Amino acid sequence: GNIVKNSSHDTADKAMLAAINQMGKVMNIETIAKHVENISILNRLKETGIDYAQGYYLDKPEYIDKQVEEIIKSMRLRSVKH
């Protein structure tokens, strides 16, 4: 979390983030960054090539019940369309 948070202004964390991402690419593993709290962090992740991001800037956490409910609704809609 701290590496991601500090990557927009800390040179060492920026290098660490790039190295971790490169390791993922070499190993054919998609990378996910947590703690994306502002546009600056998101832009840094895009520049670095991180595959996925999550955090308060993108969306706030929700209760599991609500998420499950949304997934079920989505599945029903897809099955009705086909």
PDB file of N, CA and C in Angstrom:
ATOM      1  N   GLY A   1       0.787  -1.196   0.000  1.00  0.00           N
ATOM      2  CA  GLY A   1       0.000   0.000   0.000  1.00  0.00           C
ATOM      3  C   GLY A   1       0.830   1.262   0.000  1.00  0.00           C
ATOM      4  N   ASN A   2       1.850   1.319   0.847  1.00  0.00           N
ATOM      5  CA  ASN A   2       2.655   2.536   0.930  1.00  0.00           C
ATOM      6  C   ASN A   2       3.456   2.788  -0.337  1.00  0.00           C
ATOM      7  N   ILE A   3       3.912   1.727  -0.997  1.00  0.00           N
ATOM      8  CA  ILE A   3       4.652   1.909  -2.245  1.00  0.00           C
ATOM      9  C   ILE A   3       3.762   2.601  -3.265  1.00  0.00           C
ATOM     10  N   VAL A   4       2.524   2.153  -3.375  1.00  0.00           N
ATOM     11  CA  VAL A   4       1.583   2.764  -4.322  1.00  0.00           C
ATOM     12  C   VAL A   4       1.284   4.198  -3.910  1.00  0.00           C
ATOM     13  N   LYS A   5       0.964   4.407  -2.637  1.00  0.00           N
ATOM     14  CA  LYS A   5       0.625   5.756  -2.156  1.00  0.00           C
ATOM     15  C   LYS A   5       1.751   6.749  -2.401  1.00  0.00           C
ATOM     16  N   ASN A   6       2.982   6.323  -2.180  1.00  0.00           N
ATOM     17  CA  ASN A   6       4.120   7.236  -2.274  1.00  0.00           C
ATOM     18  C   ASN A   6       4.739   7.316  -3.666  1.00  0.00           C
ATOM     19  N   SER A   7       4.293   6.472  -4.588  1.00  0.00           N
ATOM     20  CA  SER A   7       4.938   6.388  -5.897  1.00  0.00           C
ATOM     21  C   SER A   7       4.836   7.662  -6.724  1.00  0.00           C
ATOM     22  N   SER A   8       3.883   8.525  -6.411  1.00  0.00           N
ATOM     23  CA  SER A   8       3.754   9.753  -7.202  1.00  0.00           C
ATOM     24  C   SER A   8       4.766  10.816  -6.791  1.00  0.00           C
ATOM     25  N   HIS A   9       5.441  10.628  -5.638  1.00  0.00           N
ATOM     26  CA  HIS A   9       6.408  11.645  -5.217  1.00  0.00           C
ATOM     27  C   HIS A   9       7.715  11.089  -4.652  1.00  0.00           C
ATOM     28  N   ASP A  10       7.814   9.792  -4.443  1.00  0.00           N
ATOM     29  CA  ASP A  10       9.025   9.203  -3.873  1.00  0.00           C
ATOM     30  C   ASP A  10       9.752   8.377  -4.939  1.00  0.00           C
ATOM     31  N   THR A  11      10.975   8.762  -5.249  1.00  0.00           N
ATOM     32  CA  THR A  11      11.741   8.116  -6.313  1.00  0.00           C
ATOM     33  C   THR A  11      11.985   6.632  -6.043  1.00  0.00           C
ATOM     34  N   ALA A  12      12.305   6.275  -4.813  1.00  0.00           N
ATOM     35  CA  ALA A  12      12.561   4.870  -4.476  1.00  0.00           C
ATOM     36  C   ALA A  12      11.295   4.031  -4.637  1.00  0.00           C
ATOM     37  N   ASP A  13      10.156   4.543  -4.177  1.00  0.00           N
ATOM     38  CA  ASP A  13       8.893   3.807  -4.321  1.00  0.00           C
ATOM     39  C   ASP A  13       8.481   3.707  -5.786  1.00  0.00           C
ATOM     40  N   LYS A  14       8.757   4.740  -6.553  1.00  0.00           N
ATOM     41  CA  LYS A  14       8.475   4.726  -7.990  1.00  0.00           C
ATOM     42  C   LYS A  14       9.273   3.596  -8.662  1.00  0.00           C
ATOM     43  N   ALA A  15      10.551   3.488  -8.312  1.00  0.00           N
ATOM     44  CA  ALA A  15      11.407   2.439  -8.868  1.00  0.00           C
ATOM     45  C   ALA A  15      10.951   1.057  -8.411  1.00  0.00           C
ATOM     46  N   MET A  16      10.554   0.937  -7.158  1.00  0.00           N
ATOM     47  CA  MET A  16      10.075  -0.336  -6.614  1.00  0.00           C
ATOM     48  C   MET A  16       8.804  -0.779  -7.340  1.00  0.00           C
ATOM     49  N   LEU A  17       7.892   0.134  -7.561  1.00  0.00           N
ATOM     50  CA  LEU A  17       6.648  -0.162  -8.270  1.00  0.00           C
ATOM     51  C   LEU A  17       6.946  -0.660  -9.686  1.00  0.00           C
ATOM     52  N   ALA A  18       7.851   0.020 -10.374  1.00  0.00           N
ATOM     53  CA  ALA A  18       8.225  -0.385 -11.734  1.00  0.00           C
ATOM     54  C   ALA A  18       8.869  -1.772 -11.734  1.00  0.00           C
ATOM     55  N   ALA A  19       9.718  -2.046 -10.746  1.00  0.00           N
ATOM     56  CA  ALA A  19      10.385  -3.347 -10.662  1.00  0.00           C
ATOM     57  C   ALA A  19       9.388  -4.472 -10.396  1.00  0.00           C
ATOM     58  N   ILE A  20       8.458  -4.234  -9.493  1.00  0.00           N
ATOM     59  CA  ILE A  20       7.430  -5.241  -9.191  1.00  0.00           C
ATOM     60  C   ILE A  20       6.576  -5.503 -10.425  1.00  0.00           C
ATOM     61  N   ASN A  21       6.209  -4.443 -11.125  1.00  0.00           N
ATOM     62  CA  ASN A  21       5.412  -4.596 -12.336  1.00  0.00           C
ATOM     63  C   ASN A  21       6.187  -5.382 -13.394  1.00  0.00           C
ATOM     64  N   GLN A  22       7.456  -5.075 -13.560  1.00  0.00           N
ATOM     65  CA  GLN A  22       8.282  -5.780 -14.540  1.00  0.00           C
ATOM     66  C   GLN A  22       8.402  -7.263 -14.193  1.00  0.00           C
ATOM     67  N   MET A  23       8.559  -7.576 -12.918  1.00  0.00           N
ATOM     68  CA  MET A  23       8.600  -8.983 -12.491  1.00  0.00           C
ATOM     69  C   MET A  23       7.306  -9.691 -12.867  1.00  0.00           C
ATOM     70  N   GLY A  24       6.183  -9.021 -12.649  1.00  0.00           N
ATOM     71  CA  GLY A  24       4.899  -9.601 -13.019  1.00  0.00           C
ATOM     72  C   GLY A  24       4.816  -9.880 -14.505  1.00  0.00           C
ATOM     73  N   LYS A  25       5.271  -8.932 -15.312  1.00  0.00           N
ATOM     74  CA  LYS A  25       5.233  -9.106 -16.771  1.00  0.00           C
ATOM     75  C   LYS A  25       6.100 -10.291 -17.195  1.00  0.00           C
ATOM     76  N   VAL A  26       7.314 -10.378 -16.646  1.00  0.00           N
ATOM     77  CA  VAL A  26       8.232 -11.467 -16.982  1.00  0.00           C
ATOM     78  C   VAL A  26       7.636 -12.822 -16.601  1.00  0.00           C
ATOM     79  N   MET A  27       6.922 -12.855 -15.486  1.00  0.00           N
ATOM     80  CA  MET A  27       6.324 -14.101 -15.004  1.00  0.00           C
ATOM     81  C   MET A  27       4.922 -14.331 -15.571  1.00  0.00           C
ATOM     82  N   ASN A  28       4.486 -13.436 -16.458  1.00  0.00           N
ATOM     83  CA  ASN A  28       3.158 -13.514 -17.068  1.00  0.00           C
ATOM     84  C   ASN A  28       2.050 -13.464 -16.009  1.00  0.00           C
ATOM     85  N   ILE A  29       2.235 -12.578 -15.027  1.00  0.00           N
ATOM     86  CA  ILE A  29       1.263 -12.383 -13.949  1.00  0.00           C
ATOM     87  C   ILE A  29       0.738 -10.956 -14.034  1.00  0.00           C
ATOM     88  N   GLU A  30      -0.578 -10.800 -14.022  1.00  0.00           N
ATOM     89  CA  GLU A  30      -1.159  -9.460 -14.034  1.00  0.00           C
ATOM     90  C   GLU A  30      -0.937  -8.786 -12.682  1.00  0.00           C
ATOM     91  N   THR A  31      -0.720  -7.483 -12.724  1.00  0.00           N
ATOM     92  CA  THR A  31      -0.437  -6.740 -11.497  1.00  0.00           C
ATOM     93  C   THR A  31      -1.652  -5.926 -11.058  1.00  0.00           C
ATOM     94  N   ILE A  32      -1.833  -5.843  -9.749  1.00  0.00           N
ATOM     95  CA  ILE A  32      -2.943  -5.107  -9.147  1.00  0.00           C
ATOM     96  C   ILE A  32      -2.371  -4.163  -8.100  1.00  0.00           C
ATOM     97  N   ALA A  33      -2.737  -2.895  -8.184  1.00  0.00           N
ATOM     98  CA  ALA A  33      -2.285  -1.907  -7.198  1.00  0.00           C
ATOM     99  C   ALA A  33      -3.459  -1.507  -6.317  1.00  0.00           C
ATOM    100  N   LYS A  34      -3.231  -1.557  -5.011  1.00  0.00           N
ATOM    101  CA  LYS A  34      -4.246  -1.131  -4.049  1.00  0.00           C
ATOM    102  C   LYS A  34      -3.905   0.268  -3.556  1.00  0.00           C
ATOM    103  N   HIS A  35      -4.832   0.867  -2.851  1.00  0.00           N
ATOM    104  CA  HIS A  35      -4.644   2.184  -2.229  1.00  0.00           C
ATOM    105  C   HIS A  35      -4.539   3.319  -3.247  1.00  0.00           C
ATOM    106  N   VAL A  36      -5.299   3.235  -4.330  1.00  0.00           N
ATOM    107  CA  VAL A  36      -5.324   4.324  -5.306  1.00  0.00           C
ATOM    108  C   VAL A  36      -6.263   5.388  -4.748  1.00  0.00           C
ATOM    109  N   GLU A  37      -5.683   6.466  -4.248  1.00  0.00           N
ATOM    110  CA  GLU A  37      -6.453   7.478  -3.525  1.00  0.00           C
ATOM    111  C   GLU A  37      -6.596   8.803  -4.262  1.00  0.00           C
ATOM    112  N   ASN A  38      -5.906   8.967  -5.401  1.00  0.00           N
ATOM    113  CA  ASN A  38      -6.038  10.222  -6.153  1.00  0.00           C
ATOM    114  C   ASN A  38      -5.595  10.020  -7.598  1.00  0.00           C
ATOM    115  N   ILE A  39      -5.847  11.025  -8.421  1.00  0.00           N
ATOM    116  CA  ILE A  39      -5.536  10.949  -9.850  1.00  0.00           C
ATOM    117  C   ILE A  39      -4.039  10.841 -10.097  1.00  0.00           C
ATOM    118  N   SER A  40      -3.248  11.453  -9.249  1.00  0.00           N
ATOM    119  CA  SER A  40      -1.792  11.395  -9.405  1.00  0.00           C
ATOM    120  C   SER A  40      -1.289   9.955  -9.298  1.00  0.00           C
ATOM    121  N   ILE A  41      -1.799   9.234  -8.323  1.00  0.00           N
ATOM    122  CA  ILE A  41      -1.417   7.827  -8.159  1.00  0.00           C
ATOM    123  C   ILE A  41      -1.904   7.015  -9.351  1.00  0.00           C
ATOM    124  N   LEU A  42      -3.141   7.235  -9.769  1.00  0.00           N
ATOM    125  CA  LEU A  42      -3.691   6.493 -10.901  1.00  0.00           C
ATOM    126  C   LEU A  42      -2.861   6.731 -12.161  1.00  0.00           C
ATOM    127  N   ASN A  43      -2.482   7.972 -12.410  1.00  0.00           N
ATOM    128  CA  ASN A  43      -1.658   8.281 -13.582  1.00  0.00           C
ATOM    129  C   ASN A  43      -0.303   7.596 -13.512  1.00  0.00           C
ATOM    130  N   ARG A  44       0.298   7.573 -12.336  1.00  0.00           N
ATOM    131  CA  ARG A  44       1.589   6.892 -12.161  1.00  0.00           C
ATOM    132  C   ARG A  44       1.440   5.407 -12.485  1.00  0.00           C
ATOM    133  N   LEU A  45       0.357   4.796 -12.040  1.00  0.00           N
ATOM    134  CA  LEU A  45       0.133   3.374 -12.305  1.00  0.00           C
ATOM    135  C   LEU A  45      -0.048   3.121 -13.793  1.00  0.00           C
ATOM    136  N   LYS A  46      -0.770   4.005 -14.471  1.00  0.00           N
ATOM    137  CA  LYS A  46      -0.948   3.880 -15.925  1.00  0.00           C
ATOM    138  C   LYS A  46       0.397   3.962 -16.628  1.00  0.00           C
ATOM    139  N   GLU A  47       1.204   4.945 -16.244  1.00  0.00           N
ATOM    140  CA  GLU A  47       2.533   5.122 -16.846  1.00  0.00           C
ATOM    141  C   GLU A  47       3.420   3.901 -16.619  1.00  0.00           C
ATOM    142  N   THR A  48       3.275   3.286 -15.474  1.00  0.00           N
ATOM    143  CA  THR A  48       4.099   2.138 -15.106  1.00  0.00           C
ATOM    144  C   THR A  48       3.640   0.867 -15.808  1.00  0.00           C
ATOM    145  N   GLY A  49       2.364   0.815 -16.198  1.00  0.00           N
ATOM    146  CA  GLY A  49       1.835  -0.357 -16.888  1.00  0.00           C
ATOM    147  C   GLY A  49       1.138  -1.358 -15.992  1.00  0.00           C
ATOM    148  N   ILE A  50       0.769  -0.928 -14.790  1.00  0.00           N
ATOM    149  CA  ILE A  50       0.024  -1.798 -13.875  1.00  0.00           C
ATOM    150  C   ILE A  50      -1.297  -2.183 -14.546  1.00  0.00           C
ATOM    151  N   ASP A  51      -1.715  -3.443 -14.379  1.00  0.00           N
ATOM    152  CA  ASP A  51      -2.913  -3.936 -15.062  1.00  0.00           C
ATOM    153  C   ASP A  51      -4.224  -3.515 -14.404  1.00  0.00           C
ATOM    154  N   TYR A  52      -4.292  -3.568 -13.085  1.00  0.00           N
ATOM    155  CA  TYR A  52      -5.532  -3.271 -12.373  1.00  0.00           C
ATOM    156  C   TYR A  52      -5.251  -2.346 -11.200  1.00  0.00           C
ATOM    157  N   ALA A  53      -6.271  -1.581 -10.821  1.00  0.00           N
ATOM    158  CA  ALA A  53      -6.136  -0.677  -9.676  1.00  0.00           C
ATOM    159  C   ALA A  53      -7.412  -0.713  -8.851  1.00  0.00           C
ATOM    160  N   GLN A  54      -7.248  -0.517  -7.558  1.00  0.00           N
ATOM    161  CA  GLN A  54      -8.408  -0.407  -6.681  1.00  0.00           C
ATOM    162  C   GLN A  54      -8.084   0.583  -5.580  1.00  0.00           C
ATOM    163  N   GLY A  55      -9.106   1.240  -5.090  1.00  0.00           N
ATOM    164  CA  GLY A  55      -8.908   2.204  -4.023  1.00  0.00           C
ATOM    165  C   GLY A  55     -10.028   3.227  -3.983  1.00  0.00           C
ATOM    166  N   TYR A  56      -9.985   4.089  -2.980  1.00  0.00           N
ATOM    167  CA  TYR A  56     -11.044   5.067  -2.758  1.00  0.00           C
ATOM    168  C   TYR A  56     -11.236   6.023  -3.925  1.00  0.00           C
ATOM    169  N   TYR A  57     -10.185   6.320  -4.674  1.00  0.00           N
ATOM    170  CA  TYR A  57     -10.347   7.228  -5.809  1.00  0.00           C
ATOM    171  C   TYR A  57     -11.267   6.615  -6.864  1.00  0.00           C
ATOM    172  N   LEU A  58     -11.201   5.315  -7.022  1.00  0.00           N
ATOM    173  CA  LEU A  58     -11.993   4.626  -8.038  1.00  0.00           C
ATOM    174  C   LEU A  58     -13.386   4.274  -7.544  1.00  0.00           C
ATOM    175  N   ASP A  59     -13.480   3.833  -6.310  1.00  0.00           N
ATOM    176  CA  ASP A  59     -14.775   3.494  -5.725  1.00  0.00           C
ATOM    177  C   ASP A  59     -14.573   3.171  -4.250  1.00  0.00           C
ATOM    178  N   LYS A  60     -15.582   3.428  -3.481  1.00  0.00           N
ATOM    179  CA  LYS A  60     -15.512   3.150  -2.053  1.00  0.00           C
ATOM    180  C   LYS A  60     -15.894   1.688  -1.795  1.00  0.00           C
ATOM    181  N   PRO A  61     -15.354   1.080  -0.746  1.00  0.00           N
ATOM    182  CA  PRO A  61     -15.730  -0.300  -0.417  1.00  0.00           C
ATOM    183  C   PRO A  61     -17.229  -0.396  -0.111  1.00  0.00           C
ATOM    184  N   GLU A  62     -17.792  -1.549  -0.428  1.00  0.00           N
ATOM    185  CA  GLU A  62     -19.207  -1.782  -0.152  1.00  0.00           C
ATOM    186  C   GLU A  62     -19.354  -3.061   0.658  1.00  0.00           C
ATOM    187  N   TYR A  63     -20.492  -3.192   1.305  1.00  0.00           N
ATOM    188  CA  TYR A  63     -20.799  -4.418   2.025  1.00  0.00           C
ATOM    189  C   TYR A  63     -20.887  -5.573   1.041  1.00  0.00           C
ATOM    190  N   ILE A  64     -20.445  -6.734   1.468  1.00  0.00           N
ATOM    191  CA  ILE A  64     -20.448  -7.911   0.613  1.00  0.00           C
ATOM    192  C   ILE A  64     -21.855  -8.228   0.127  1.00  0.00           C
ATOM    193  N   ASP A  65     -22.850  -8.129   1.005  1.00  0.00           N
ATOM    194  CA  ASP A  65     -24.230  -8.433   0.614  1.00  0.00           C
ATOM    195  C   ASP A  65     -24.665  -7.585  -0.572  1.00  0.00           C
ATOM    196  N   LYS A  66     -24.309  -6.320  -0.568  1.00  0.00           N
ATOM    197  CA  LYS A  66     -24.685  -5.430  -1.669  1.00  0.00           C
ATOM    198  C   LYS A  66     -23.984  -5.850  -2.957  1.00  0.00           C
ATOM    199  N   GLN A  67     -22.722  -6.228  -2.863  1.00  0.00           N
ATOM    200  CA  GLN A  67     -21.987  -6.657  -4.049  1.00  0.00           C
ATOM    201  C   GLN A  67     -22.578  -7.933  -4.625  1.00  0.00           C
ATOM    202  N   VAL A  68     -22.897  -8.884  -3.764  1.00  0.00           N
ATOM    203  CA  VAL A  68     -23.492 -10.140  -4.213  1.00  0.00           C
ATOM    204  C   VAL A  68     -24.829  -9.865  -4.890  1.00  0.00           C
ATOM    205  N   GLU A  69     -25.612  -8.988  -4.303  1.00  0.00           N
ATOM    206  CA  GLU A  69     -26.906  -8.609  -4.868  1.00  0.00           C
ATOM    207  C   GLU A  69     -26.736  -8.047  -6.283  1.00  0.00           C
ATOM    208  N   GLU A  70     -25.750  -7.176  -6.474  1.00  0.00           N
ATOM    209  CA  GLU A  70     -25.493  -6.580  -7.788  1.00  0.00           C
ATOM    210  C   GLU A  70     -25.053  -7.636  -8.798  1.00  0.00           C
ATOM    211  N   ILE A  71     -24.246  -8.583  -8.371  1.00  0.00           N
ATOM    212  CA  ILE A  71     -23.794  -9.650  -9.268  1.00  0.00           C
ATOM    213  C   ILE A  71     -24.976 -10.503  -9.704  1.00  0.00           C
ATOM    214  N   ILE A  72     -25.855 -10.840  -8.771  1.00  0.00           N
ATOM    215  CA  ILE A  72     -27.033 -11.649  -9.097  1.00  0.00           C
ATOM    216  C   ILE A  72     -27.925 -10.901 -10.083  1.00  0.00           C
ATOM    217  N   LYS A  73     -28.149  -9.617  -9.855  1.00  0.00           N
ATOM    218  CA  LYS A  73     -28.952  -8.812 -10.790  1.00  0.00           C
ATOM    219  C   LYS A  73     -28.329  -8.831 -12.177  1.00  0.00           C
ATOM    220  N   SER A  74     -27.028  -8.652 -12.240  1.00  0.00           N
ATOM    221  CA  SER A  74     -26.316  -8.635 -13.512  1.00  0.00           C
ATOM    222  C   SER A  74     -26.453  -9.971 -14.234  1.00  0.00           C
ATOM    223  N   MET A  75     -26.351 -11.069 -13.488  1.00  0.00           N
ATOM    224  CA  MET A  75     -26.480 -12.395 -14.086  1.00  0.00           C
ATOM    225  C   MET A  75     -27.889 -12.606 -14.624  1.00  0.00           C
ATOM    226  N   ARG A  76     -28.882 -12.125 -13.901  1.00  0.00           N
ATOM    227  CA  ARG A  76     -30.274 -12.259 -14.359  1.00  0.00           C
ATOM    228  C   ARG A  76     -30.481 -11.482 -15.648  1.00  0.00           C
ATOM    229  N   LEU A  77     -29.934 -10.271 -15.708  1.00  0.00           N
ATOM    230  CA  LEU A  77     -30.076  -9.455 -16.912  1.00  0.00           C
ATOM    231  C   LEU A  77     -29.416 -10.121 -18.110  1.00  0.00           C
ATOM    232  N   ARG A  78     -28.242 -10.690 -17.911  1.00  0.00           N
ATOM    233  CA  ARG A  78     -27.550 -11.358 -19.008  1.00  0.00           C
ATOM    234  C   ARG A  78     -28.317 -12.579 -19.481  1.00  0.00           C
ATOM    235  N   SER A  79     -28.903 -13.349 -18.560  1.00  0.00           N
ATOM    236  CA  SER A  79     -29.626 -14.553 -18.956  1.00  0.00           C
ATOM    237  C   SER A  79     -30.924 -14.203 -19.677  1.00  0.00           C
ATOM    238  N   VAL A  80     -31.532 -13.078 -19.346  1.00  0.00           N
ATOM    239  CA  VAL A  80     -32.756 -12.642 -20.014  1.00  0.00           C
ATOM    240  C   VAL A  80     -32.450 -12.192 -21.439  1.00  0.00           C
ATOM    241  N   LYS A  81     -31.306 -11.562 -21.644  1.00  0.00           N
ATOM    242  CA  LYS A  81     -30.931 -11.051 -22.965  1.00  0.00           C
ATOM    243  C   LYS A  81     -30.597 -12.167 -23.943  1.00  0.00           C
ATOM    244  N   HIS A  82     -30.172 -13.334 -23.448  1.00  0.00           N
ATOM    245  CA  HIS A  82     -29.741 -14.420 -24.342  1.00  0.00           C
ATOM    246  C   HIS A  82     -30.839 -15.342 -24.635  1.00  0.00           C
TER     247      HIS A  82
END
